Amino acid sequence: MAEQSNFAAARSQLVDDFNKIAADSEALLRAMASAPGEKVSALRSSVEANLNAARQHLRDFQGVAYERTTAAARATDQYVHENPWPLIGAAAAFGFILGLLARGGSED
């Protein structure tokens, strides 16, 4: 469970960082648009190509993450439907233990 939250946090941070880089790159491209020269034009084209490639990689990453999440949800749903009684028993045991812990040391 902690691994999933770490993955989600890392993924969120990656997306945020990429969006910041993309925004900075777009601002740089706008600033370079008015600059004359062949080298500037080549650099701008290179930055645009790299930015587009990075966006495509991010979309691919998001697609794979979505597919894996959907597959895990389907597998969990199927397992729960195929094995309801063990899960009900586990939930009841967990509730019983939680109730004992909540009751604490109050001996009436």
C-alpha atoms as a PDB file:
ATOM      1  CA  MET A   1       0.000   0.000   0.000  1.00  0.00           C
ATOM      2  CA  ALA A   2       2.822   2.402   0.865  1.00  0.00           C
ATOM      3  CA  GLU A   3       4.526   1.493  -2.406  1.00  0.00           C
ATOM      4  CA  GLN A   4       1.430   2.572  -4.341  1.00  0.00           C
ATOM      5  CA  SER A   5       1.249   5.904  -2.537  1.00  0.00           C
ATOM      6  CA  ASN A   6       4.980   6.460  -3.134  1.00  0.00           C
ATOM      7  CA  PHE A   7       4.452   5.661  -6.807  1.00  0.00           C
ATOM      8  CA  ALA A   8       1.484   8.014  -6.993  1.00  0.00           C
ATOM      9  CA  ALA A   9       3.467  10.773  -5.284  1.00  0.00           C
ATOM     10  CA  ALA A  10       6.436  10.243  -7.599  1.00  0.00           C
ATOM     11  CA  ARG A  11       4.172  10.230 -10.636  1.00  0.00           C
ATOM     12  CA  SER A  12       2.467  13.416  -9.500  1.00  0.00           C
ATOM     13  CA  GLN A  13       5.826  15.087  -8.883  1.00  0.00           C
ATOM     14  CA  LEU A  14       7.053  13.976 -12.311  1.00  0.00           C
ATOM     15  CA  VAL A  15       3.989  15.435 -14.018  1.00  0.00           C
ATOM     16  CA  ASP A  16       4.322  18.698 -12.071  1.00  0.00           C
ATOM     17  CA  ASP A  17       8.021  18.976 -12.899  1.00  0.00           C
ATOM     18  CA  PHE A  18       7.371  18.243 -16.546  1.00  0.00           C
ATOM     19  CA  ASN A  19       4.647  20.882 -16.709  1.00  0.00           C
ATOM     20  CA  LYS A  20       7.041  23.448 -15.221  1.00  0.00           C
ATOM     21  CA  ILE A  21       9.737  22.514 -17.713  1.00  0.00           C
ATOM     22  CA  ALA A  22       7.245  22.669 -20.577  1.00  0.00           C
ATOM     23  CA  ALA A  23       6.055  26.106 -19.510  1.00  0.00           C
ATOM     24  CA  ASP A  24       9.634  27.377 -19.228  1.00  0.00           C
ATOM     25  CA  SER A  25      10.507  25.888 -22.620  1.00  0.00           C
ATOM     26  CA  GLU A  26       7.483  27.496 -24.246  1.00  0.00           C
ATOM     27  CA  ALA A  27       8.432  30.848 -22.727  1.00  0.00           C
ATOM     28  CA  LEU A  28      11.959  30.403 -24.070  1.00  0.00           C
ATOM     29  CA  LEU A  29      10.600  29.551 -27.517  1.00  0.00           C
ATOM     30  CA  ARG A  30       8.409  32.675 -27.509  1.00  0.00           C
ATOM     31  CA  ALA A  31      11.390  34.789 -26.497  1.00  0.00           C
ATOM     32  CA  MET A  32      13.535  33.230 -29.232  1.00  0.00           C
ATOM     33  CA  ALA A  33      10.857  33.694 -31.893  1.00  0.00           C
ATOM     34  CA  SER A  34      11.844  37.293 -32.512  1.00  0.00           C
ATOM     35  CA  ALA A  35      15.589  36.641 -32.452  1.00  0.00           C
ATOM     36  CA  PRO A  36      17.134  36.514 -35.925  1.00  0.00           C
ATOM     37  CA  GLY A  37      19.728  34.055 -37.036  1.00  0.00           C
ATOM     38  CA  GLU A  38      20.131  30.586 -38.399  1.00  0.00           C
ATOM     39  CA  LYS A  39      21.546  29.092 -35.185  1.00  0.00           C
ATOM     40  CA  VAL A  40      18.639  30.451 -33.140  1.00  0.00           C
ATOM     41  CA  SER A  41      16.166  28.986 -35.602  1.00  0.00           C
ATOM     42  CA  ALA A  42      17.886  25.590 -35.467  1.00  0.00           C
ATOM     43  CA  LEU A  43      17.974  25.702 -31.664  1.00  0.00           C
ATOM     44  CA  ARG A  44      14.294  26.633 -31.535  1.00  0.00           C
ATOM     45  CA  SER A  45      13.427  23.728 -33.825  1.00  0.00           C
ATOM     46  CA  SER A  46      15.460  21.353 -31.682  1.00  0.00           C
ATOM     47  CA  VAL A  47      13.796  22.549 -28.468  1.00  0.00           C
ATOM     48  CA  GLU A  48      10.349  22.201 -30.055  1.00  0.00           C
ATOM     49  CA  ALA A  49      11.131  18.667 -31.217  1.00  0.00           C
ATOM     50  CA  ASN A  50      12.456  17.656 -27.794  1.00  0.00           C
ATOM     51  CA  LEU A  51       9.465  19.203 -26.053  1.00  0.00           C
ATOM     52  CA  ASN A  52       7.042  17.388 -28.334  1.00  0.00           C
ATOM     53  CA  ALA A  53       8.889  14.099 -27.776  1.00  0.00           C
ATOM     54  CA  ALA A  54       8.803  14.623 -24.000  1.00  0.00           C
ATOM     55  CA  ARG A  55       5.075  15.343 -24.128  1.00  0.00           C
ATOM     56  CA  GLN A  56       4.514  12.134 -26.090  1.00  0.00           C
ATOM     57  CA  HIS A  57       6.542  10.142 -23.549  1.00  0.00           C
ATOM     58  CA  LEU A  58       4.485  11.645 -20.740  1.00  0.00           C
ATOM     59  CA  ARG A  59       1.236  10.737 -22.519  1.00  0.00           C
ATOM     60  CA  ASP A  60       2.545   7.193 -22.998  1.00  0.00           C
ATOM     61  CA  PHE A  61       3.503   7.005 -19.324  1.00  0.00           C
ATOM     62  CA  GLN A  62       0.079   8.238 -18.262  1.00  0.00           C
ATOM     63  CA  GLY A  63      -1.583   5.719 -20.575  1.00  0.00           C
ATOM     64  CA  VAL A  64       0.423   2.827 -19.137  1.00  0.00           C
ATOM     65  CA  ALA A  65      -0.291   3.984 -15.575  1.00  0.00           C
ATOM     66  CA  TYR A  66      -4.007   4.208 -16.372  1.00  0.00           C
ATOM     67  CA  GLU A  67      -4.023   0.742 -17.936  1.00  0.00           C
ATOM     68  CA  ARG A  68      -2.214  -0.797 -14.946  1.00  0.00           C
ATOM     69  CA  THR A  69      -4.520   0.908 -12.477  1.00  0.00           C
ATOM     70  CA  THR A  70      -7.584  -0.238 -14.393  1.00  0.00           C
ATOM     71  CA  ALA A  71      -6.248  -3.799 -14.597  1.00  0.00           C
ATOM     72  CA  ALA A  72      -5.570  -3.855 -10.846  1.00  0.00           C
ATOM     73  CA  ALA A  73      -9.059  -2.553 -10.122  1.00  0.00           C
ATOM     74  CA  ARG A  74     -10.603  -5.198 -12.370  1.00  0.00           C
ATOM     75  CA  ALA A  75      -8.547  -7.979 -10.755  1.00  0.00           C
ATOM     76  CA  THR A  76      -9.544  -6.784  -7.283  1.00  0.00           C
ATOM     77  CA  ASP A  77     -13.198  -6.578  -8.256  1.00  0.00           C
ATOM     78  CA  GLN A  78     -13.095 -10.064  -9.757  1.00  0.00           C
ATOM     79  CA  TYR A  79     -11.395 -11.497  -6.664  1.00  0.00           C
ATOM     80  CA  VAL A  80     -13.944  -9.908  -4.345  1.00  0.00           C
ATOM     81  CA  HIS A  81     -16.825 -11.269  -6.408  1.00  0.00           C
ATOM     82  CA  GLU A  82     -15.314 -14.744  -6.534  1.00  0.00           C
ATOM     83  CA  ASN A  83     -14.324 -14.875  -2.837  1.00  0.00           C
ATOM     84  CA  PRO A  84     -16.769 -12.789  -0.806  1.00  0.00           C
ATOM     85  CA  TRP A  85     -16.869 -14.879   2.391  1.00  0.00           C
ATOM     86  CA  PRO A  86     -13.169 -14.814   3.287  1.00  0.00           C
ATOM     87  CA  LEU A  87     -13.188 -11.061   2.791  1.00  0.00           C
ATOM     88  CA  ILE A  88     -16.329 -10.651   4.884  1.00  0.00           C
ATOM     89  CA  GLY A  89     -14.722 -12.764   7.609  1.00  0.00           C
ATOM     90  CA  ALA A  90     -11.528 -10.731   7.485  1.00  0.00           C
ATOM     91  CA  ALA A  91     -13.506  -7.484   7.681  1.00  0.00           C
ATOM     92  CA  ALA A  92     -15.486  -8.811  10.661  1.00  0.00           C
ATOM     93  CA  ALA A  93     -12.287  -9.887  12.437  1.00  0.00           C
ATOM     94  CA  PHE A  94     -10.714  -6.519  11.756  1.00  0.00           C
ATOM     95  CA  GLY A  95     -13.812  -4.757  13.097  1.00  0.00           C
ATOM     96  CA  PHE A  96     -13.822  -6.944  16.213  1.00  0.00           C
ATOM     97  CA  ILE A  97     -10.148  -6.227  16.917  1.00  0.00           C
ATOM     98  CA  LEU A  98     -10.643  -2.540  16.266  1.00  0.00           C
ATOM     99  CA  GLY A  99     -13.591  -2.569  18.673  1.00  0.00           C
ATOM    100  CA  LEU A 100     -11.461  -4.222  21.368  1.00  0.00           C
ATOM    101  CA  LEU A 101      -8.735  -1.662  20.880  1.00  0.00           C
ATOM    102  CA  ALA A 102     -11.204   1.221  20.964  1.00  0.00           C
ATOM    103  CA  ARG A 103     -12.717  -0.149  24.153  1.00  0.00           C
ATOM    104  CA  GLY A 104      -9.248   0.015  25.695  1.00  0.00           C
ATOM    105  CA  GLY A 105      -8.768  -0.714  29.369  1.00  0.00           C
ATOM    106  CA  SER A 106     -12.222   0.359  30.543  1.00  0.00           C
ATOM    107  CA  GLU A 107     -13.316  -2.597  32.645  1.00  0.00           C
ATOM    108  CA  ASP A 108     -16.941  -2.196  33.758  1.00  0.00           C
END
